[in-house]
PDB file of N, CA and C in Angstrom:
ATOM      1  N   MET A   1      20.933  15.626   9.601  1.00  0.00           N
ATOM      2  CA  MET A   1      20.892  15.418   8.168  1.00  0.00           C
ATOM      3  C   MET A   1      20.167  14.117   7.800  1.00  0.00           C
ATOM      4  N   GLU A   2      20.356  13.090   8.646  1.00  0.00           N
ATOM      5  CA  GLU A   2      19.710  11.810   8.359  1.00  0.00           C
ATOM      6  C   GLU A   2      18.190  11.947   8.361  1.00  0.00           C
ATOM      7  N   ASN A   3      17.660  12.803   9.239  1.00  0.00           N
ATOM      8  CA  ASN A   3      16.221  13.023   9.296  1.00  0.00           C
ATOM      9  C   ASN A   3      15.698  13.550   7.957  1.00  0.00           C
ATOM     10  N   VAL A   4      16.466  14.400   7.310  1.00  0.00           N
ATOM     11  CA  VAL A   4      16.068  14.941   6.010  1.00  0.00           C
ATOM     12  C   VAL A   4      15.961  13.809   4.992  1.00  0.00           C
ATOM     13  N   TYR A   5      16.928  12.905   5.002  1.00  0.00           N
ATOM     14  CA  TYR A   5      16.886  11.769   4.079  1.00  0.00           C
ATOM     15  C   TYR A   5      15.705  10.854   4.387  1.00  0.00           C
ATOM     16  N   GLU A   6      15.395  10.701   5.679  1.00  0.00           N
ATOM     17  CA  GLU A   6      14.227   9.906   6.065  1.00  0.00           C
ATOM     18  C   GLU A   6      12.951  10.540   5.513  1.00  0.00           C
ATOM     19  N   GLN A   7      12.866  11.864   5.561  1.00  0.00           N
ATOM     20  CA  GLN A   7      11.706  12.556   5.001  1.00  0.00           C
ATOM     21  C   GLN A   7      11.626  12.328   3.499  1.00  0.00           C
ATOM     22  N   PHE A   8      12.759  12.441   2.806  1.00  0.00           N
ATOM     23  CA  PHE A   8      12.775  12.203   1.357  1.00  0.00           C
ATOM     24  C   PHE A   8      12.302  10.790   1.048  1.00  0.00           C
ATOM     25  N   PHE A   9      12.831   9.824   1.794  1.00  0.00           N
ATOM     26  CA  PHE A   9      12.449   8.433   1.564  1.00  0.00           C
ATOM     27  C   PHE A   9      10.960   8.230   1.814  1.00  0.00           C
ATOM     28  N   PHE A  10      10.454   8.769   2.918  1.00  0.00           N
ATOM     29  CA  PHE A  10       9.051   8.606   3.265  1.00  0.00           C
ATOM     30  C   PHE A  10       8.141   9.215   2.203  1.00  0.00           C
ATOM     31  N   LEU A  11       8.467  10.422   1.750  1.00  0.00           N
ATOM     32  CA  LEU A  11       7.640  11.056   0.719  1.00  0.00           C
ATOM     33  C   LEU A  11       7.706  10.275  -0.591  1.00  0.00           C
ATOM     34  N   LYS A  12       8.866   9.710  -0.898  1.00  0.00           N
ATOM     35  CA  LYS A  12       9.016   8.918  -2.125  1.00  0.00           C
ATOM     36  C   LYS A  12       8.268   7.595  -1.995  1.00  0.00           C
ATOM     37  N   TYR A  13       8.490   6.886  -0.899  1.00  0.00           N
ATOM     38  CA  TYR A  13       7.934   5.548  -0.726  1.00  0.00           C
ATOM     39  C   TYR A  13       6.426   5.569  -0.499  1.00  0.00           C
ATOM     40  N   SER A  14       5.962   6.448   0.385  1.00  0.00           N
ATOM     41  CA  SER A  14       4.540   6.444   0.746  1.00  0.00           C
ATOM     42  C   SER A  14       3.706   7.447  -0.028  1.00  0.00           C
ATOM     43  N   GLY A  15       4.338   8.477  -0.549  1.00  0.00           N
ATOM     44  CA  GLY A  15       3.582   9.530  -1.207  1.00  0.00           C
ATOM     45  C   GLY A  15       3.793   9.614  -2.701  1.00  0.00           C
ATOM     46  N   GLY A  16       4.761   8.873  -3.221  1.00  0.00           N
ATOM     47  CA  GLY A  16       5.005   8.887  -4.659  1.00  0.00           C
ATOM     48  C   GLY A  16       5.727  10.136  -5.152  1.00  0.00           C
ATOM     49  N   TRP A  17       6.333  10.889  -4.244  1.00  0.00           N
ATOM     50  CA  TRP A  17       7.069  12.088  -4.630  1.00  0.00           C
ATOM     51  C   TRP A  17       8.410  11.700  -5.231  1.00  0.00           C
ATOM     52  N   SER A  18       8.905  12.513  -6.122  1.00  0.00           N
ATOM     53  CA  SER A  18      10.266  12.297  -6.619  1.00  0.00           C
ATOM     54  C   SER A  18      11.239  12.945  -5.641  1.00  0.00           C
ATOM     55  N   PHE A  19      12.501  12.548  -5.719  1.00  0.00           N
ATOM     56  CA  PHE A  19      13.519  13.154  -4.870  1.00  0.00           C
ATOM     57  C   PHE A  19      13.588  14.658  -5.123  1.00  0.00           C
ATOM     58  N   PHE A  20      13.550  15.050  -6.376  1.00  0.00           N
ATOM     59  CA  PHE A  20      13.642  16.463  -6.725  1.00  0.00           C
ATOM     60  C   PHE A  20      12.462  17.253  -6.156  1.00  0.00           C
ATOM     61  N   GLU A  21      11.267  16.693  -6.229  1.00  0.00           N
ATOM     62  CA  GLU A  21      10.087  17.372  -5.674  1.00  0.00           C
ATOM     63  C   GLU A  21      10.235  17.582  -4.164  1.00  0.00           C
ATOM     64  N   SER A  22      10.677  16.537  -3.462  1.00  0.00           N
ATOM     65  CA  SER A  22      10.860  16.641  -2.017  1.00  0.00           C
ATOM     66  C   SER A  22      11.961  17.636  -1.674  1.00  0.00           C
ATOM     67  N   TYR A  23      13.053  17.565  -2.403  1.00  0.00           N
ATOM     68  CA  TYR A  23      14.208  18.427  -2.155  1.00  0.00           C
ATOM     69  C   TYR A  23      13.871  19.896  -2.409  1.00  0.00           C
ATOM     70  N   SER A  24      13.023  20.149  -3.377  1.00  0.00           N
ATOM     71  CA  SER A  24      12.699  21.519  -3.769  1.00  0.00           C
ATOM     72  C   SER A  24      11.717  22.212  -2.824  1.00  0.00           C
ATOM     73  N   LEU A  25      11.031  21.439  -1.992  1.00  0.00           N
ATOM     74  CA  LEU A  25      10.059  22.044  -1.079  1.00  0.00           C
ATOM     75  C   LEU A  25      10.764  22.844   0.014  1.00  0.00           C
ATOM     76  N   PRO A  26      10.189  23.972   0.416  1.00  0.00           N
ATOM     77  CA  PRO A  26      10.698  24.652   1.606  1.00  0.00           C
ATOM     78  C   PRO A  26      10.596  23.709   2.813  1.00  0.00           C
ATOM     79  N   VAL A  27      11.529  23.841   3.743  1.00  0.00           N
ATOM     80  CA  VAL A  27      11.627  22.898   4.862  1.00  0.00           C
ATOM     81  C   VAL A  27      10.319  22.764   5.630  1.00  0.00           C
ATOM     82  N   LYS A  28       9.715  23.864   6.005  1.00  0.00           N
ATOM     83  CA  LYS A  28       8.477  23.806   6.803  1.00  0.00           C
ATOM     84  C   LYS A  28       7.336  23.163   6.016  1.00  0.00           C
ATOM     85  N   LEU A  29       7.274  23.422   4.733  1.00  0.00           N
ATOM     86  CA  LEU A  29       6.233  22.811   3.910  1.00  0.00           C
ATOM     87  C   LEU A  29       6.467  21.310   3.771  1.00  0.00           C
ATOM     88  N   ARG A  30       7.730  20.910   3.608  1.00  0.00           N
ATOM     89  CA  ARG A  30       8.053  19.480   3.526  1.00  0.00           C
ATOM     90  C   ARG A  30       7.691  18.792   4.832  1.00  0.00           C
ATOM     91  N   GLU A  31       7.984  19.413   5.972  1.00  0.00           N
ATOM     92  CA  GLU A  31       7.633  18.831   7.266  1.00  0.00           C
ATOM     93  C   GLU A  31       6.123  18.707   7.411  1.00  0.00           C
ATOM     94  N   TRP A  32       5.376  19.698   6.919  1.00  0.00           N
ATOM     95  CA  TRP A  32       3.925  19.619   6.979  1.00  0.00           C
ATOM     96  C   TRP A  32       3.411  18.444   6.161  1.00  0.00           C
ATOM     97  N   PHE A  33       3.945  18.282   4.953  1.00  0.00           N
ATOM     98  CA  PHE A  33       3.506  17.170   4.107  1.00  0.00           C
ATOM     99  C   PHE A  33       3.820  15.823   4.759  1.00  0.00           C
ATOM    100  N   VAL A  34       4.973  15.703   5.403  1.00  0.00           N
ATOM    101  CA  VAL A  34       5.327  14.450   6.075  1.00  0.00           C
ATOM    102  C   VAL A  34       4.328  14.164   7.197  1.00  0.00           C
ATOM    103  N   LYS A  35       4.057  15.170   8.029  1.00  0.00           N
ATOM    104  CA  LYS A  35       3.097  14.978   9.133  1.00  0.00           C
ATOM    105  C   LYS A  35       1.706  14.659   8.605  1.00  0.00           C
ATOM    106  N   ARG A  36       1.313  15.347   7.551  1.00  0.00           N
ATOM    107  CA  ARG A  36      -0.036  15.124   6.986  1.00  0.00           C
ATOM    108  C   ARG A  36      -0.147  13.744   6.359  1.00  0.00           C
ATOM    109  N   LEU A  37       0.904  13.286   5.706  1.00  0.00           N
ATOM    110  CA  LEU A  37       0.889  11.955   5.116  1.00  0.00           C
ATOM    111  C   LEU A  37       0.833  10.888   6.200  1.00  0.00           C
ATOM    112  N   ILE A  38       1.550  11.095   7.297  1.00  0.00           N
ATOM    113  CA  ILE A  38       1.483  10.161   8.426  1.00  0.00           C
ATOM    114  C   ILE A  38       0.053  10.088   8.962  1.00  0.00           C
ATOM    115  N   LYS A  39      -0.578  11.255   9.146  1.00  0.00           N
ATOM    116  CA  LYS A  39      -1.959  11.289   9.633  1.00  0.00           C
ATOM    117  C   LYS A  39      -2.891  10.561   8.675  1.00  0.00           C
ATOM    118  N   GLN A  40      -2.722  10.784   7.380  1.00  0.00           N
ATOM    119  CA  GLN A  40      -3.573  10.136   6.373  1.00  0.00           C
ATOM    120  C   GLN A  40      -3.431   8.619   6.427  1.00  0.00           C
ATOM    121  N   LEU A  41      -2.198   8.133   6.504  1.00  0.00           N
ATOM    122  CA  LEU A  41      -1.971   6.693   6.543  1.00  0.00           C
ATOM    123  C   LEU A  41      -2.537   6.078   7.826  1.00  0.00           C
ATOM    124  N   GLU A  42      -2.399   6.790   8.946  1.00  0.00           N
ATOM    125  CA  GLU A  42      -2.973   6.294  10.204  1.00  0.00           C
ATOM    126  C   GLU A  42      -4.503   6.271  10.139  1.00  0.00           C
ATOM    127  N   ASP A  43      -5.102   7.312   9.560  1.00  0.00           N
ATOM    128  CA  ASP A  43      -6.563   7.346   9.416  1.00  0.00           C
ATOM    129  C   ASP A  43      -7.065   6.204   8.537  1.00  0.00           C
ATOM    130  N   GLU A  44      -6.352   5.933   7.444  1.00  0.00           N
ATOM    131  CA  GLU A  44      -6.744   4.835   6.557  1.00  0.00           C
ATOM    132  C   GLU A  44      -6.610   3.490   7.270  1.00  0.00           C
ATOM    133  N   LYS A  45      -5.547   3.331   8.038  1.00  0.00           N
ATOM    134  CA  LYS A  45      -5.352   2.083   8.784  1.00  0.00           C
ATOM    135  C   LYS A  45      -6.480   1.892   9.795  1.00  0.00           C
ATOM    136  N   ASP A  46      -6.816   2.973  10.528  1.00  0.00           N
ATOM    137  CA  ASP A  46      -7.905   2.893  11.503  1.00  0.00           C
ATOM    138  C   ASP A  46      -9.237   2.565  10.835  1.00  0.00           C
ATOM    139  N   ALA A  47      -9.496   3.169   9.689  1.00  0.00           N
ATOM    140  CA  ALA A  47     -10.739   2.910   8.970  1.00  0.00           C
ATOM    141  C   ALA A  47     -10.819   1.457   8.526  1.00  0.00           C
ATOM    142  N   MET A  48      -9.707   0.922   8.048  1.00  0.00           N
ATOM    143  CA  MET A  48      -9.696  -0.477   7.618  1.00  0.00           C
ATOM    144  C   MET A  48      -9.915  -1.409   8.804  1.00  0.00           C
ATOM    145  N   GLN A  49      -9.310  -1.076   9.938  1.00  0.00           N
ATOM    146  CA  GLN A  49      -9.471  -1.925  11.117  1.00  0.00           C
ATOM    147  C   GLN A  49     -10.886  -1.856  11.666  1.00  0.00           C
ATOM    148  N   SER A  50     -11.486  -0.672  11.655  1.00  0.00           N
ATOM    149  CA  SER A  50     -12.843  -0.559  12.173  1.00  0.00           C
ATOM    150  C   SER A  50     -13.854  -1.223  11.245  1.00  0.00           C
ATOM    151  N   THR A  51     -13.579  -1.212   9.954  1.00  0.00           N
ATOM    152  CA  THR A  51     -14.473  -1.868   8.996  1.00  0.00           C
ATOM    153  C   THR A  51     -14.428  -3.380   9.158  1.00  0.00           C
ATOM    154  N   SER A  52     -13.232  -3.893   9.406  1.00  0.00           N
ATOM    155  CA  SER A  52     -13.093  -5.345   9.529  1.00  0.00           C
ATOM    156  C   SER A  52     -13.278  -5.800  10.966  1.00  0.00           C
ATOM    157  N   GLY A  53     -13.575  -4.890  11.863  1.00  0.00           N
ATOM    158  CA  GLY A  53     -13.753  -5.271  13.258  1.00  0.00           C
ATOM    159  C   GLY A  53     -12.440  -5.644  13.917  1.00  0.00           C
ATOM    160  N   GLY A  54     -11.332  -5.204  13.327  1.00  0.00           N
ATOM    161  CA  GLY A  54     -10.028  -5.504  13.886  1.00  0.00           C
ATOM    162  C   GLY A  54      -9.529  -6.891  13.558  1.00  0.00           C
ATOM    163  N   SER A  55     -10.336  -7.679  12.895  1.00  0.00           N
ATOM    164  CA  SER A  55      -9.901  -9.037  12.580  1.00  0.00           C
ATOM    165  C   SER A  55      -9.229  -9.077  11.213  1.00  0.00           C
ATOM    166  N   SER A  56      -8.540 -10.108  10.986  1.00  0.00           N
ATOM    167  CA  SER A  56      -7.864 -10.293   9.708  1.00  0.00           C
ATOM    168  C   SER A  56      -8.891 -10.537   8.607  1.00  0.00           C
ATOM    169  N   THR A  57      -8.603 -10.035   7.432  1.00  0.00           N
ATOM    170  CA  THR A  57      -9.530 -10.223   6.313  1.00  0.00           C
ATOM    171  C   THR A  57      -9.019 -11.274   5.333  1.00  0.00           C
ATOM    172  N   THR A  58      -8.048 -12.069   5.769  1.00  0.00           N
ATOM    173  CA  THR A  58      -7.554 -13.112   4.879  1.00  0.00           C
ATOM    174  C   THR A  58      -8.555 -14.249   4.783  1.00  0.00           C
ATOM    175  N   GLN A  59      -8.586 -14.834   3.623  1.00  0.00           N
ATOM    176  CA  GLN A  59      -9.517 -15.931   3.395  1.00  0.00           C
ATOM    177  C   GLN A  59      -8.729 -17.106   2.844  1.00  0.00           C
ATOM    178  N   THR A  60      -8.979 -18.273   3.400  1.00  0.00           N
ATOM    179  CA  THR A  60      -8.325 -19.483   2.927  1.00  0.00           C
ATOM    180  C   THR A  60      -9.195 -20.119   1.858  1.00  0.00           C
ATOM    181  N   LEU A  61      -8.587 -20.420   0.729  1.00  0.00           N
ATOM    182  CA  LEU A  61      -9.333 -21.047  -0.351  1.00  0.00           C
ATOM    183  C   LEU A  61      -9.482 -22.535  -0.081  1.00  0.00           C
ATOM    184  N   ALA A  62     -10.681 -23.005  -0.249  1.00  0.00           N
ATOM    185  CA  ALA A  62     -10.989 -24.422  -0.135  1.00  0.00           C
ATOM    186  C   ALA A  62     -11.742 -24.815  -1.402  1.00  0.00           C
ATOM    187  N   SER A  63     -12.122 -26.052  -1.508  1.00  0.00           N
ATOM    188  CA  SER A  63     -12.782 -26.506  -2.733  1.00  0.00           C
ATOM    189  C   SER A  63     -14.096 -25.770  -2.989  1.00  0.00           C
ATOM    190  N   HIS A  64     -14.766 -25.317  -1.940  1.00  0.00           N
ATOM    191  CA  HIS A  64     -16.070 -24.671  -2.116  1.00  0.00           C
ATOM    192  C   HIS A  64     -15.970 -23.171  -2.441  1.00  0.00           C
ATOM    193  N   ASN A  65     -14.805 -22.542  -2.252  1.00  0.00           N
ATOM    194  CA  ASN A  65     -14.732 -21.103  -2.503  1.00  0.00           C
ATOM    195  C   ASN A  65     -13.607 -20.695  -3.463  1.00  0.00           C
ATOM    196  N   GLN A  66     -13.103 -21.632  -4.229  1.00  0.00           N
ATOM    197  CA  GLN A  66     -12.078 -21.314  -5.214  1.00  0.00           C
ATOM    198  C   GLN A  66     -12.724 -20.772  -6.478  1.00  0.00           C
ATOM    199  N   PRO A  67     -12.095 -19.774  -7.092  1.00  0.00           N
ATOM    200  CA  PRO A  67     -12.640 -19.272  -8.349  1.00  0.00           C
ATOM    201  C   PRO A  67     -12.477 -20.309  -9.458  1.00  0.00           C
ATOM    202  N   ALA A  68     -13.398 -20.276 -10.400  1.00  0.00           N
ATOM    203  CA  ALA A  68     -13.318 -21.211 -11.525  1.00  0.00           C
ATOM    204  C   ALA A  68     -12.197 -20.774 -12.466  1.00  0.00           C
ATOM    205  N   PRO A  69     -11.481 -21.718 -13.054  1.00  0.00           N
ATOM    206  CA  PRO A  69     -10.440 -21.339 -14.017  1.00  0.00           C
ATOM    207  C   PRO A  69     -11.075 -20.774 -15.288  1.00  0.00           C
ATOM    208  N   PRO A  70     -10.342 -19.942 -16.011  1.00  0.00           N
ATOM    209  CA  PRO A  70     -10.868 -19.398 -17.261  1.00  0.00           C
ATOM    210  C   PRO A  70     -11.210 -20.538 -18.227  1.00  0.00           C
ATOM    211  N   PRO A  71     -12.237 -20.364 -19.056  1.00  0.00           N
ATOM    212  CA  PRO A  71     -12.666 -21.427 -19.970  1.00  0.00           C
ATOM    213  C   PRO A  71     -11.547 -21.936 -20.874  1.00  0.00           C
ATOM    214  N   GLN A  72     -10.670 -21.044 -21.334  1.00  0.00           N
ATOM    215  CA  GLN A  72      -9.602 -21.471 -22.230  1.00  0.00           C
ATOM    216  C   GLN A  72      -8.575 -22.357 -21.529  1.00  0.00           C
ATOM    217  N   MET A  73      -8.603 -22.409 -20.204  1.00  0.00           N
ATOM    218  CA  MET A  73      -7.665 -23.233 -19.458  1.00  0.00           C
ATOM    219  C   MET A  73      -8.258 -24.586 -19.088  1.00  0.00           C
ATOM    220  N   MET A  74      -9.533 -24.790 -19.320  1.00  0.00           N
ATOM    221  CA  MET A  74     -10.178 -26.049 -18.968  1.00  0.00           C
ATOM    222  C   MET A  74      -9.608 -27.179 -19.823  1.00  0.00           C
ATOM    223  N   GLY A  75      -9.348 -28.298 -19.207  1.00  0.00           N
ATOM    224  CA  GLY A  75      -8.873 -29.468 -19.927  1.00  0.00           C
ATOM    225  C   GLY A  75      -7.367 -29.492 -20.125  1.00  0.00           C
ATOM    226  N   ARG A  76      -6.642 -28.465 -19.707  1.00  0.00           N
ATOM    227  CA  ARG A  76      -5.173 -28.475 -19.822  1.00  0.00           C
ATOM    228  C   ARG A  76      -4.572 -28.946 -18.518  1.00  0.00           C
ATOM    229  N   ASN A  77      -3.416 -29.544 -18.604  1.00  0.00           N
ATOM    230  CA  ASN A  77      -2.743 -29.880 -17.349  1.00  0.00           C
ATOM    231  C   ASN A  77      -1.922 -28.689 -16.891  1.00  0.00           C
ATOM    232  N   ARG A  78      -1.321 -28.775 -15.744  1.00  0.00           N
ATOM    233  CA  ARG A  78      -0.636 -27.631 -15.129  1.00  0.00           C
ATOM    234  C   ARG A  78       0.591 -27.193 -15.912  1.00  0.00           C
ATOM    235  N   GLN A  79       1.172 -28.019 -16.731  1.00  0.00           N
ATOM    236  CA  GLN A  79       2.386 -27.659 -17.451  1.00  0.00           C
ATOM    237  C   GLN A  79       2.056 -26.959 -18.765  1.00  0.00           C
ATOM    238  N   GLY A  80       0.814 -26.767 -19.074  1.00  0.00           N
ATOM    239  CA  GLY A  80       0.418 -26.018 -20.255  1.00  0.00           C
ATOM    240  C   GLY A  80       0.519 -26.786 -21.564  1.00  0.00           C
ATOM    241  N   SER A  81       0.692 -28.084 -21.505  1.00  0.00           N
ATOM    242  CA  SER A  81       0.784 -28.846 -22.770  1.00  0.00           C
ATOM    243  C   SER A  81      -0.541 -29.434 -23.160  1.00  0.00           C
TER     244      SER A  81
END
């Protein structure tokens, strides 16, 4: 029974399904959607890793690569006064 709840949670969390939608599916169809969603997420992860060469895509902001503040914020201090 716990496996069924895990499927409901997975479809809700990763697929955006409602509990009622997951519950209403025939068992074999729900299992297919779970397997297919797992495959999709793995394919997307692999694509992201191959695009970035497996390295992290985080960037540290320094003085030379920080975005400029919006014009309306220029000349204000951090407390907004």
